[in-house]
Amino acid sequence: MENSKKRLSVAMATFNGEKYIKQQIETILLNLNKDDEIVISDDASTDNTINIIKEFINNDKRIKLIEGPKNGIKQNFANAIQNCNGEYIFLADQDDIWDKNKVEEVLKAFKEEKTTLVIHDAEIINENEKIIEKSFFKYRKSGKRYNKEHI
């Protein structure tokens, strides 16, 4: 079997995200290797989102911009996912800030827990990057779970 898959893909859905998209892409790129990719599905942004993404594309061929389906966020994410080539797919909102070791930690969970899906906690911050809630799980009253696949 030909191994044409990339190690990791990041599927991002965007719509009018100019305020946060630059920092989001910068923090994702810090986590990626040379064979990884970011697939951005933009759902007809009318602000500067597309121009910011294109500036990154000019300097980094790991980023691919595709036209979104213009049918809401779920379909926009589905469009991005369908265009990913990675063995692992990370989802990214347009306003996230990734920790510098996010990918490493998530891939470690896949290996150590022998799982097929990892959903991890997040801190909620305001526009000044001040933490307003330490745990999204706690905020949503959910908890840590593993979906283990027995080999």
C-alpha atoms as a PDB file:
ATOM      1  CA  MET A   1       0.000   0.000   0.000  1.00  0.00           C
ATOM      2  CA  GLU A   2       1.358   3.398  -0.951  1.00  0.00           C
ATOM      3  CA  ASN A   3       1.923   5.721   1.992  1.00  0.00           C
ATOM      4  CA  SER A   4       0.787   8.991   0.431  1.00  0.00           C
ATOM      5  CA  LYS A   5      -0.795  10.282   3.640  1.00  0.00           C
ATOM      6  CA  LYS A   6       0.736  13.094   5.564  1.00  0.00           C
ATOM      7  CA  ARG A   7       1.412  12.532   9.236  1.00  0.00           C
ATOM      8  CA  LEU A   8      -0.985  15.174  10.462  1.00  0.00           C
ATOM      9  CA  SER A   9      -3.672  17.496   9.105  1.00  0.00           C
ATOM     10  CA  VAL A  10      -5.324  20.432  10.795  1.00  0.00           C
ATOM     11  CA  ALA A  11      -8.868  21.103   9.573  1.00  0.00           C
ATOM     12  CA  MET A  12      -9.945  24.684  10.206  1.00  0.00           C
ATOM     13  CA  ALA A  13     -13.292  26.313   9.455  1.00  0.00           C
ATOM     14  CA  THR A  14     -13.246  30.098   9.076  1.00  0.00           C
ATOM     15  CA  PHE A  15     -15.761  32.875   8.629  1.00  0.00           C
ATOM     16  CA  ASN A  16     -14.898  36.521   9.306  1.00  0.00           C
ATOM     17  CA  GLY A  17     -12.113  35.588  11.716  1.00  0.00           C
ATOM     18  CA  GLU A  18      -9.618  38.355  10.947  1.00  0.00           C
ATOM     19  CA  LYS A  19      -9.305  39.315  14.604  1.00  0.00           C
ATOM     20  CA  TYR A  20      -7.776  35.979  15.681  1.00  0.00           C
ATOM     21  CA  ILE A  21      -6.729  34.041  12.570  1.00  0.00           C
ATOM     22  CA  LYS A  22      -3.118  35.268  12.412  1.00  0.00           C
ATOM     23  CA  GLN A  23      -2.259  34.163  15.942  1.00  0.00           C
ATOM     24  CA  GLN A  24      -4.177  30.920  15.457  1.00  0.00           C
ATOM     25  CA  ILE A  25      -2.206  29.952  12.353  1.00  0.00           C
ATOM     26  CA  GLU A  26       1.102  30.994  13.949  1.00  0.00           C
ATOM     27  CA  THR A  27       0.524  28.754  16.985  1.00  0.00           C
ATOM     28  CA  ILE A  28      -0.561  25.815  14.823  1.00  0.00           C
ATOM     29  CA  LEU A  29       2.524  26.120  12.593  1.00  0.00           C
ATOM     30  CA  LEU A  30       4.748  25.904  15.689  1.00  0.00           C
ATOM     31  CA  ASN A  31       3.295  22.410  16.243  1.00  0.00           C
ATOM     32  CA  LEU A  32       3.688  21.063  12.716  1.00  0.00           C
ATOM     33  CA  ASN A  33       6.406  19.162  10.903  1.00  0.00           C
ATOM     34  CA  LYS A  34       7.419  19.765   7.296  1.00  0.00           C
ATOM     35  CA  ASP A  35       5.062  17.068   5.949  1.00  0.00           C
ATOM     36  CA  ASP A  36       1.984  18.223   7.886  1.00  0.00           C
ATOM     37  CA  GLU A  37      -0.771  20.473   6.550  1.00  0.00           C
ATOM     38  CA  ILE A  38      -3.428  22.991   7.507  1.00  0.00           C
ATOM     39  CA  VAL A  39      -6.600  22.804   5.424  1.00  0.00           C
ATOM     40  CA  ILE A  40      -8.717  25.941   5.830  1.00  0.00           C
ATOM     41  CA  SER A  41     -12.291  25.971   4.566  1.00  0.00           C
ATOM     42  CA  ASP A  42     -13.513  29.552   4.419  1.00  0.00           C
ATOM     43  CA  ASP A  43     -17.271  30.116   4.292  1.00  0.00           C
ATOM     44  CA  ALA A  44     -17.304  33.372   2.280  1.00  0.00           C
ATOM     45  CA  SER A  45     -15.636  35.731   4.746  1.00  0.00           C
ATOM     46  CA  THR A  46     -16.258  39.403   3.998  1.00  0.00           C
ATOM     47  CA  ASP A  47     -13.529  40.770   6.273  1.00  0.00           C
ATOM     48  CA  ASN A  48      -9.736  40.430   5.892  1.00  0.00           C
ATOM     49  CA  THR A  49      -9.606  36.707   6.828  1.00  0.00           C
ATOM     50  CA  ILE A  50      -8.827  35.458   3.298  1.00  0.00           C
ATOM     51  CA  ASN A  51      -6.058  38.026   2.767  1.00  0.00           C
ATOM     52  CA  ILE A  52      -4.394  37.071   6.053  1.00  0.00           C
ATOM     53  CA  ILE A  53      -4.534  33.378   5.117  1.00  0.00           C
ATOM     54  CA  LYS A  54      -3.113  34.099   1.649  1.00  0.00           C
ATOM     55  CA  GLU A  55      -0.162  35.944   3.221  1.00  0.00           C
ATOM     56  CA  PHE A  56       0.661  32.769   5.149  1.00  0.00           C
ATOM     57  CA  ILE A  57       0.232  30.612   2.025  1.00  0.00           C
ATOM     58  CA  ASN A  58       2.787  32.769   0.184  1.00  0.00           C
ATOM     59  CA  ASN A  59       5.388  31.765   2.773  1.00  0.00           C
ATOM     60  CA  ASP A  60       4.267  28.272   3.772  1.00  0.00           C
ATOM     61  CA  LYS A  61       3.095  25.602   1.333  1.00  0.00           C
ATOM     62  CA  ARG A  62       1.688  23.459   4.160  1.00  0.00           C
ATOM     63  CA  ILE A  63      -1.408  25.702   4.193  1.00  0.00           C
ATOM     64  CA  LYS A  64      -4.253  25.059   1.765  1.00  0.00           C
ATOM     65  CA  LEU A  65      -7.279  27.373   1.427  1.00  0.00           C
ATOM     66  CA  ILE A  66     -10.502  25.967  -0.004  1.00  0.00           C
ATOM     67  CA  GLU A  67     -13.913  27.471  -0.605  1.00  0.00           C
ATOM     68  CA  GLY A  68     -16.478  26.556   2.036  1.00  0.00           C
ATOM     69  CA  PRO A  69     -19.956  25.215   1.279  1.00  0.00           C
ATOM     70  CA  LYS A  70     -21.674  28.359   2.645  1.00  0.00           C
ATOM     71  CA  ASN A  71     -24.010  26.175   4.675  1.00  0.00           C
ATOM     72  CA  GLY A  72     -22.977  26.688   8.304  1.00  0.00           C
ATOM     73  CA  ILE A  73     -20.113  25.699  10.575  1.00  0.00           C
ATOM     74  CA  LYS A  74     -20.739  21.928  10.629  1.00  0.00           C
ATOM     75  CA  GLN A  75     -20.646  21.657   6.854  1.00  0.00           C
ATOM     76  CA  ASN A  76     -17.661  24.005   6.742  1.00  0.00           C
ATOM     77  CA  PHE A  77     -15.707  21.715   9.088  1.00  0.00           C
ATOM     78  CA  ALA A  78     -16.844  18.664   7.099  1.00  0.00           C
ATOM     79  CA  ASN A  79     -15.519  20.331   3.937  1.00  0.00           C
ATOM     80  CA  ALA A  80     -12.138  20.951   5.561  1.00  0.00           C
ATOM     81  CA  ILE A  81     -11.959  17.375   6.910  1.00  0.00           C
ATOM     82  CA  GLN A  82     -12.823  15.879   3.520  1.00  0.00           C
ATOM     83  CA  ASN A  83      -9.844  17.699   2.012  1.00  0.00           C
ATOM     84  CA  CYS A  84      -7.327  16.522   4.631  1.00  0.00           C
ATOM     85  CA  ASN A  85      -4.630  13.969   3.785  1.00  0.00           C
ATOM     86  CA  GLY A  86      -3.233  13.256   7.250  1.00  0.00           C
ATOM     87  CA  GLU A  87      -3.261  10.068   9.243  1.00  0.00           C
ATOM     88  CA  TYR A  88      -4.363  12.209  12.201  1.00  0.00           C
ATOM     89  CA  ILE A  89      -6.794  15.106  11.858  1.00  0.00           C
ATOM     90  CA  PHE A  90      -6.916  17.938  14.372  1.00  0.00           C
ATOM     91  CA  LEU A  91      -9.873  20.330  14.345  1.00  0.00           C
ATOM     92  CA  ALA A  92      -9.177  24.017  14.895  1.00  0.00           C
ATOM     93  CA  ASP A  93     -11.590  26.860  15.453  1.00  0.00           C
ATOM     94  CA  GLN A  94     -10.492  30.158  13.948  1.00  0.00           C
ATOM     95  CA  ASP A  95     -10.043  31.753  17.374  1.00  0.00           C
ATOM     96  CA  ASP A  96      -7.973  29.112  19.181  1.00  0.00           C
ATOM     97  CA  ILE A  97      -4.450  29.586  20.480  1.00  0.00           C
ATOM     98  CA  TRP A  98      -2.528  26.319  20.535  1.00  0.00           C
ATOM     99  CA  ASP A  99      -0.022  25.458  23.235  1.00  0.00           C
ATOM    100  CA  LYS A 100       3.418  24.762  21.816  1.00  0.00           C
ATOM    101  CA  ASN A 101       3.240  21.062  22.762  1.00  0.00           C
ATOM    102  CA  LYS A 102      -0.406  20.381  21.833  1.00  0.00           C
ATOM    103  CA  VAL A 103       0.264  17.984  18.950  1.00  0.00           C
ATOM    104  CA  GLU A 104       2.947  16.121  20.883  1.00  0.00           C
ATOM    105  CA  GLU A 105       0.638  15.607  23.877  1.00  0.00           C
ATOM    106  CA  VAL A 106      -2.353  14.511  21.789  1.00  0.00           C
ATOM    107  CA  LEU A 107      -0.286  12.043  19.740  1.00  0.00           C
ATOM    108  CA  LYS A 108       1.132  10.687  22.994  1.00  0.00           C
ATOM    109  CA  ALA A 109      -2.438  10.075  24.226  1.00  0.00           C
ATOM    110  CA  PHE A 110      -3.251   8.171  21.028  1.00  0.00           C
ATOM    111  CA  LYS A 111      -0.236   5.923  21.523  1.00  0.00           C
ATOM    112  CA  GLU A 112      -0.395   5.393  25.284  1.00  0.00           C
ATOM    113  CA  GLU A 113      -4.163   4.990  25.557  1.00  0.00           C
ATOM    114  CA  LYS A 114      -4.527   3.045  22.277  1.00  0.00           C
ATOM    115  CA  THR A 115      -7.513   5.155  21.370  1.00  0.00           C
ATOM    116  CA  THR A 116      -9.084   6.304  18.098  1.00  0.00           C
ATOM    117  CA  LEU A 117     -10.331   9.700  19.284  1.00  0.00           C
ATOM    118  CA  VAL A 118      -8.891  12.278  21.666  1.00  0.00           C
ATOM    119  CA  ILE A 119     -10.977  15.146  22.976  1.00  0.00           C
ATOM    120  CA  HIS A 120      -9.029  17.347  25.329  1.00  0.00           C
ATOM    121  CA  ASP A 121      -9.714  20.147  27.711  1.00  0.00           C
ATOM    122  CA  ALA A 122      -9.095  23.827  27.033  1.00  0.00           C
ATOM    123  CA  GLU A 123      -8.774  27.068  28.914  1.00  0.00           C
ATOM    124  CA  ILE A 124     -11.272  29.779  28.067  1.00  0.00           C
ATOM    125  CA  ILE A 125      -9.690  33.193  27.616  1.00  0.00           C
ATOM    126  CA  ASN A 126     -10.963  36.668  26.823  1.00  0.00           C
ATOM    127  CA  GLU A 127      -9.778  39.005  24.059  1.00  0.00           C
ATOM    128  CA  ASN A 128      -6.792  40.021  26.231  1.00  0.00           C
ATOM    129  CA  GLU A 129      -5.737  36.361  26.669  1.00  0.00           C
ATOM    130  CA  LYS A 130      -6.717  36.473  30.356  1.00  0.00           C
ATOM    131  CA  ILE A 131      -7.956  33.095  31.557  1.00  0.00           C
ATOM    132  CA  ILE A 132     -11.618  33.338  32.533  1.00  0.00           C
ATOM    133  CA  GLU A 133     -12.145  29.581  33.016  1.00  0.00           C
ATOM    134  CA  LYS A 134      -9.353  27.034  33.611  1.00  0.00           C
ATOM    135  CA  SER A 135     -11.352  24.111  32.249  1.00  0.00           C
ATOM    136  CA  PHE A 136     -13.824  23.969  29.380  1.00  0.00           C
ATOM    137  CA  PHE A 137     -14.823  20.510  30.645  1.00  0.00           C
ATOM    138  CA  LYS A 138     -15.680  21.954  34.048  1.00  0.00           C
ATOM    139  CA  TYR A 139     -17.545  24.865  32.453  1.00  0.00           C
ATOM    140  CA  ARG A 140     -19.601  22.393  30.357  1.00  0.00           C
ATOM    141  CA  LYS A 141     -19.827  19.898  33.249  1.00  0.00           C
ATOM    142  CA  SER A 142     -18.142  17.151  31.237  1.00  0.00           C
ATOM    143  CA  GLY A 143     -15.104  15.064  32.070  1.00  0.00           C
ATOM    144  CA  LYS A 144     -12.139  13.066  30.868  1.00  0.00           C
ATOM    145  CA  ARG A 145     -13.033   9.905  28.970  1.00  0.00           C
ATOM    146  CA  TYR A 146     -11.217   7.426  26.744  1.00  0.00           C
ATOM    147  CA  ASN A 147     -12.675   5.446  23.884  1.00  0.00           C
ATOM    148  CA  LYS A 148     -10.257   2.550  23.791  1.00  0.00           C
ATOM    149  CA  GLU A 149      -9.914   0.246  20.845  1.00  0.00           C
ATOM    150  CA  HIS A 150      -8.665  -3.207  21.786  1.00  0.00           C
ATOM    151  CA  ILE A 151      -6.031  -4.559  19.465  1.00  0.00           C
END
